[in-house]
Amino acid sequence: MSLSLNPLNQASQVSSNALAADVKSLNALKQQAGQDSPAAIKETAKQLESLFMRELIKSMREATTKSGMFDSPQGDLGTDLLDQQLSVTMSGRPGGLSEAIERQLTRQTVPADGSTLQLGTPASRLSPAPVTGPVSRTTSQSDFVQRHNGTAMQVEKDTGLPASYLLGQAGHETGWGRKEILNKDGSTSFNLFGIKAGSSWTGKTTTITTTEVINGESRKVSAKFRAYDSYEESFKDYAKLINESPRYAQARQQTGSSQAYATELKRAGYATDPDYAAKLTRAISTTQQLRRAYA
């Protein structure tokens, strides 16, 4: 027996006491969750938890030996209805499975690049594979690419590094301009690529708290980063680092493939994030699609 939801295209009207046990109702919730509606995503998570709890209770009952004396179809129906209501009552509680499902549905596949992972997202979006289909775009992404496209094209002309790679990495490192590295006084450092200031750096610096993955654990550490006088200077310094440092020799040989380029950067230790190559590949793909739209 299945209990349908209220009007399928309005998640806000879904009754919290109903169980979406039919595929049509679940698909309606999935469509709403894909439109980034917090209410729909929350309700979807609760309904999925309800289904899980119902199957769990059903399995537990089936594992229980029946007496046979008082068993009847009417009794089974009553038990099933009771189990449905019990599964609904148990779902949506703080700290429960629905919260984990909700986080999964709303999590950013690439926090820094602004892309949102939605229900129905192809599995290829979760691995370091090139993204060939439509990519989620945001206003910040579009504005960022338009703002820095001219500089990136000039640096590509001067150095050979693809402008889309430069823009994609700068966008990923800064959350598309929303999380730039700042100086102590709150002004921007113009550091778009997260390049640290090593012992050989003689220019300006700024020290901030950043997240590093050390021995598989994310830790907050204080680190010194390079600071510039302009974004153009940041682009040029990044290109110089990639083209002149032996550390990135393999990366600069892979400019024909964004995935290979990102993989070699990660392998050379550009970032400690274990998923850096996949995230950067997606950011570059987003940039490429945005730039094609401008052409």
Protein backbone atom coordinates (compact mmCIF):
# COMPACT_ATOMS: atom_id res chain seq x y z
CA MET A 1 0.00 0.00 0.00
CA SER A 2 1.34 3.45 -0.87
CA LEU A 3 0.36 6.84 0.41
CA SER A 4 0.67 9.64 -2.16
CA LEU A 5 1.73 13.19 -1.46
CA ASN A 6 -0.34 16.31 -2.01
CA PRO A 7 0.07 18.23 -5.37
CA LEU A 8 3.32 16.91 -6.76
CA ASN A 9 4.78 20.17 -8.03
CA GLN A 10 4.52 21.99 -4.71
CA ALA A 11 6.87 20.54 -2.11
CA SER A 12 5.75 23.12 0.39
CA GLN A 13 2.32 21.46 0.38
CA VAL A 14 3.66 17.97 1.11
CA SER A 15 2.22 16.71 4.36
CA SER A 16 4.86 15.78 6.91
CA ASN A 17 2.57 12.95 8.05
CA ALA A 18 2.46 11.29 4.63
CA LEU A 19 4.88 8.73 3.28
CA ALA A 20 6.10 9.01 -0.34
CA ALA A 21 6.06 5.30 -1.02
CA ASP A 22 5.33 5.61 -4.74
CA VAL A 23 7.90 6.44 -7.38
CA LYS A 24 5.87 9.30 -8.88
CA SER A 25 5.80 11.18 -5.58
CA LEU A 26 9.51 10.67 -4.97
CA ASN A 27 10.35 11.91 -8.45
CA ALA A 28 8.33 15.06 -7.78
CA LEU A 29 10.34 15.70 -4.63
CA LYS A 30 13.58 15.06 -6.51
CA GLN A 31 12.64 17.67 -9.09
CA GLN A 32 11.91 20.20 -6.37
CA ALA A 33 15.17 19.40 -4.57
CA GLY A 34 17.00 19.90 -7.86
CA GLN A 35 15.67 23.45 -7.94
CA ASP A 36 17.54 24.23 -4.71
CA SER A 37 14.40 24.59 -2.57
CA PRO A 38 15.53 24.06 1.05
CA ALA A 39 12.02 22.99 2.08
CA ALA A 40 11.80 20.41 -0.71
CA ILE A 41 15.26 19.05 0.02
CA LYS A 42 14.42 18.72 3.70
CA GLU A 43 11.15 16.95 2.91
CA THR A 44 12.86 14.65 0.40
CA ALA A 45 15.42 13.65 3.01
CA LYS A 46 12.69 12.95 5.54
CA GLN A 47 10.69 10.85 3.07
CA LEU A 48 13.76 8.81 2.12
CA GLU A 49 14.49 8.19 5.78
CA SER A 50 10.86 7.11 6.24
CA LEU A 51 11.18 4.58 3.44
CA PHE A 52 14.39 3.25 4.92
CA MET A 53 12.86 2.95 8.39
CA ARG A 54 9.78 1.21 6.98
CA GLU A 55 11.91 -1.42 5.22
CA LEU A 56 13.97 -1.89 8.37
CA ILE A 57 10.88 -2.43 10.52
CA LYS A 58 9.44 -4.78 7.89
CA SER A 59 12.63 -6.86 7.88
CA MET A 60 12.57 -7.06 11.67
CA ARG A 61 8.95 -8.27 11.65
CA GLU A 62 9.66 -10.88 8.98
CA ALA A 63 12.53 -12.18 11.07
CA THR A 64 10.10 -12.73 13.97
CA THR A 65 8.44 -16.15 14.16
CA LYS A 66 4.64 -15.92 13.84
CA SER A 67 2.37 -17.95 16.08
CA GLY A 68 -0.15 -18.65 13.33
CA MET A 69 -3.08 -18.67 15.74
CA PHE A 70 -4.04 -15.02 15.39
CA ASP A 71 -2.49 -14.29 12.00
CA SER A 72 -4.85 -12.97 9.30
CA PRO A 73 -4.76 -10.71 6.21
CA GLN A 74 -6.59 -8.03 8.18
CA GLY A 75 -4.01 -8.24 10.94
CA ASP A 76 -1.17 -7.97 8.41
CA LEU A 77 -2.79 -4.89 6.87
CA GLY A 78 -3.14 -3.26 10.27
CA THR A 79 0.47 -4.05 11.10
CA ASP A 80 1.62 -2.61 7.79
CA LEU A 81 -0.31 0.62 8.40
CA LEU A 82 1.12 0.83 11.88
CA ASP A 83 4.64 0.33 10.53
CA GLN A 84 4.14 3.12 7.99
CA GLN A 85 3.01 5.54 10.66
CA LEU A 86 5.84 4.47 12.95
CA SER A 87 8.42 5.04 10.20
CA VAL A 88 7.05 8.56 9.59
CA THR A 89 7.10 9.34 13.31
CA MET A 90 10.70 8.16 13.64
CA SER A 91 11.99 10.18 10.67
CA GLY A 92 13.12 13.79 10.61
CA ARG A 93 14.46 13.78 14.16
CA PRO A 94 17.56 15.87 15.06
CA GLY A 95 20.74 13.91 14.51
CA GLY A 96 18.93 11.28 12.47
CA LEU A 97 19.50 9.82 9.04
CA SER A 98 17.45 12.53 7.31
CA GLU A 99 19.99 15.20 8.33
CA ALA A 100 22.77 13.20 6.70
CA ILE A 101 20.67 12.75 3.55
CA GLU A 102 19.84 16.47 3.52
CA ARG A 103 23.52 17.38 3.72
CA GLN A 104 24.23 15.00 0.84
CA LEU A 105 21.50 16.59 -1.31
CA THR A 106 22.58 20.16 -0.61
CA ARG A 107 26.34 19.79 -0.41
CA GLN A 108 28.54 21.71 -2.83
CA THR A 109 30.47 19.29 -5.07
CA VAL A 110 33.01 22.07 -5.46
CA PRO A 111 32.63 24.54 -2.62
CA ALA A 112 35.07 26.92 -4.18
CA ASP A 113 33.75 26.80 -7.71
CA GLY A 114 30.11 27.40 -6.86
CA SER A 115 28.77 24.28 -8.61
CA THR A 116 25.89 22.55 -6.85
CA LEU A 117 25.48 18.80 -6.85
CA GLN A 118 21.80 18.07 -7.42
CA LEU A 119 19.65 14.95 -7.38
CA GLY A 120 20.16 13.07 -10.62
CA THR A 121 23.70 14.37 -11.12
CA PRO A 122 25.64 11.94 -13.32
CA ALA A 123 28.23 9.81 -11.55
CA SER A 124 30.92 11.35 -13.75
CA ARG A 125 30.47 14.59 -11.80
CA LEU A 126 31.79 12.78 -8.71
CA SER A 127 35.04 11.55 -10.26
CA PRO A 128 38.03 13.24 -11.92
CA ALA A 129 36.42 12.75 -15.35
CA PRO A 130 36.00 15.60 -17.82
CA VAL A 131 32.59 17.25 -17.58
CA THR A 132 31.01 17.28 -21.02
CA GLY A 133 27.40 18.07 -20.11
CA PRO A 134 25.85 21.31 -18.82
CA VAL A 135 27.53 22.74 -15.75
CA SER A 136 25.78 24.65 -12.98
CA ARG A 137 26.66 28.33 -13.33
CA THR A 138 26.27 31.15 -10.88
CA THR A 139 26.33 34.92 -11.18
CA SER A 140 29.63 35.04 -9.32
CA GLN A 141 31.19 32.62 -11.80
CA SER A 142 30.01 34.59 -14.80
CA ASP A 143 31.09 37.92 -13.32
CA PHE A 144 34.48 36.51 -12.34
CA VAL A 145 35.21 35.14 -15.81
CA GLN A 146 34.11 38.33 -17.53
CA ARG A 147 36.17 40.46 -15.15
CA HIS A 148 39.44 38.58 -15.63
CA ASN A 149 39.05 37.16 -19.14
CA GLY A 150 41.05 39.91 -20.84
CA THR A 151 44.03 39.49 -18.52
CA ALA A 152 43.92 35.70 -18.82
CA MET A 153 43.91 35.92 -22.63
CA GLN A 154 46.94 38.21 -22.61
CA VAL A 155 48.82 35.87 -20.27
CA GLU A 156 47.90 32.93 -22.52
CA LYS A 157 49.34 34.83 -25.49
CA ASP A 158 52.55 35.57 -23.57
CA THR A 159 53.08 32.21 -21.84
CA GLY A 160 51.09 29.53 -23.65
CA LEU A 161 49.01 28.55 -20.62
CA PRO A 162 45.33 28.31 -21.66
CA ALA A 163 43.23 31.23 -20.44
CA SER A 164 40.44 28.86 -19.38
CA TYR A 165 42.89 26.97 -17.14
CA LEU A 166 44.05 30.21 -15.55
CA LEU A 167 40.50 31.43 -14.98
CA GLY A 168 39.29 28.07 -13.73
CA GLN A 169 42.06 27.74 -11.18
CA ALA A 170 41.77 31.35 -10.04
CA GLY A 171 38.03 30.86 -9.67
CA HIS A 172 38.43 27.64 -7.73
CA GLU A 173 41.05 29.08 -5.38
CA THR A 174 39.02 32.18 -4.54
CA GLY A 175 35.45 30.86 -4.64
CA TRP A 176 35.02 32.85 -7.85
CA GLY A 177 36.18 36.03 -6.19
CA ARG A 178 34.13 35.62 -3.01
CA LYS A 179 36.96 34.34 -0.81
CA GLU A 180 40.08 36.19 -1.85
CA ILE A 181 43.13 36.21 0.39
CA LEU A 182 43.12 39.47 2.32
CA ASN A 183 45.77 41.66 3.86
CA LYS A 184 45.72 42.42 7.56
CA ASP A 185 43.83 45.67 6.92
CA GLY A 186 41.09 43.82 5.02
CA SER A 187 42.20 44.86 1.54
CA THR A 188 42.73 42.25 -1.15
CA SER A 189 46.16 40.75 -1.66
CA PHE A 190 45.31 40.21 -5.35
CA ASN A 191 46.54 36.63 -4.88
CA LEU A 192 44.10 34.66 -7.04
CA PHE A 193 46.00 31.36 -7.06
CA GLY A 194 46.75 30.75 -3.39
CA ILE A 195 50.52 30.88 -3.94
CA LYS A 196 52.44 30.81 -0.67
CA ALA A 197 55.43 32.99 0.07
CA GLY A 198 58.46 30.72 0.40
CA SER A 199 61.96 31.70 1.46
CA SER A 200 62.82 32.80 -2.09
CA TRP A 201 59.95 35.29 -2.29
CA THR A 202 61.08 38.88 -1.79
CA GLY A 203 57.81 40.66 -2.48
CA LYS A 204 54.93 41.63 -0.22
CA THR A 205 53.22 38.99 1.92
CA THR A 206 50.13 38.45 4.02
CA THR A 207 49.57 35.86 6.73
CA ILE A 208 46.21 34.14 7.11
CA THR A 209 44.67 31.03 8.64
CA THR A 210 44.02 28.39 6.01
CA THR A 211 42.94 24.75 5.87
CA GLU A 212 45.47 22.08 4.97
CA VAL A 213 45.01 18.32 4.73
CA ILE A 214 47.77 16.76 6.81
CA ASN A 215 48.00 12.97 7.16
CA GLY A 216 44.45 12.72 5.89
CA GLU A 217 43.03 15.23 8.37
CA SER A 218 41.90 18.80 7.70
CA ARG A 219 43.69 21.26 9.98
CA LYS A 220 43.68 25.01 10.40
CA VAL A 221 47.18 26.43 10.04
CA SER A 222 48.72 29.87 9.79
CA ALA A 223 50.53 30.42 6.49
CA LYS A 224 52.24 33.26 4.65
CA PHE A 225 51.04 34.03 1.13
CA ARG A 226 52.31 36.26 -1.65
CA ALA A 227 50.66 39.67 -2.10
CA TYR A 228 50.56 41.72 -5.29
CA ASP A 229 49.67 45.18 -6.50
CA SER A 230 47.17 43.99 -9.11
CA TYR A 231 45.32 40.94 -10.42
CA GLU A 232 47.40 41.11 -13.59
CA GLU A 233 50.53 40.68 -11.49
CA SER A 234 48.96 37.63 -9.86
CA PHE A 235 48.19 36.00 -13.22
CA LYS A 236 51.70 36.65 -14.48
CA ASP A 237 53.36 35.33 -11.34
CA TYR A 238 51.32 32.12 -11.48
CA ALA A 239 52.24 31.57 -15.14
CA LYS A 240 55.89 32.17 -14.29
CA LEU A 241 55.73 29.64 -11.46
CA ILE A 242 54.18 26.95 -13.65
CA ASN A 243 56.47 27.57 -16.63
CA GLU A 244 59.76 27.95 -14.76
CA SER A 245 59.56 25.67 -11.74
CA PRO A 246 60.90 22.12 -12.33
CA ARG A 247 58.25 20.98 -9.87
CA TYR A 248 55.51 21.62 -12.44
CA ALA A 249 57.36 20.39 -15.52
CA GLN A 250 54.88 17.55 -16.08
CA ALA A 251 51.88 19.83 -15.65
CA ARG A 252 52.97 22.27 -18.34
CA GLN A 253 53.32 19.33 -20.73
CA GLN A 254 49.61 18.53 -20.27
CA THR A 255 47.92 21.73 -21.37
CA GLY A 256 45.99 19.80 -24.02
CA SER A 257 43.83 18.17 -21.33
CA SER A 258 42.37 19.98 -18.34
CA GLN A 259 42.04 16.71 -16.44
CA ALA A 260 45.66 15.73 -17.07
CA TYR A 261 46.85 19.25 -16.22
CA ALA A 262 44.92 19.28 -12.95
CA THR A 263 46.13 15.78 -12.09
CA GLU A 264 49.77 16.74 -12.60
CA LEU A 265 49.35 19.89 -10.49
CA LYS A 266 47.96 17.79 -7.65
CA ARG A 267 50.70 15.19 -8.06
CA ALA A 268 53.33 17.92 -7.88
CA GLY A 269 51.87 19.10 -4.58
CA TYR A 270 50.18 22.33 -5.63
CA ALA A 271 47.44 21.65 -3.06
CA THR A 272 46.92 19.21 -0.19
CA ASP A 273 43.23 18.59 -0.89
CA PRO A 274 43.01 14.94 -2.06
CA ASP A 275 40.14 15.90 -4.42
CA TYR A 276 41.92 18.92 -5.86
CA ALA A 277 42.36 17.48 -9.36
CA ALA A 278 38.65 16.64 -9.70
CA LYS A 279 37.54 20.01 -8.36
CA LEU A 280 39.93 21.94 -10.58
CA THR A 281 38.85 19.95 -13.64
CA ARG A 282 35.23 20.87 -13.01
CA ALA A 283 36.12 24.53 -12.43
CA ILE A 284 38.01 24.67 -15.72
CA SER A 285 35.08 23.01 -17.51
CA THR A 286 32.73 25.63 -16.09
CA THR A 287 35.06 28.38 -17.31
CA GLN A 288 35.29 26.87 -20.78
CA GLN A 289 31.51 26.77 -21.13
CA LEU A 290 31.12 30.32 -19.89
CA ARG A 291 33.75 31.61 -22.32
CA ARG A 292 32.10 29.77 -25.21
CA ALA A 293 28.85 31.50 -24.29
CA TYR A 294 30.58 34.88 -24.63
CA ALA A 295 32.10 34.06 -28.00
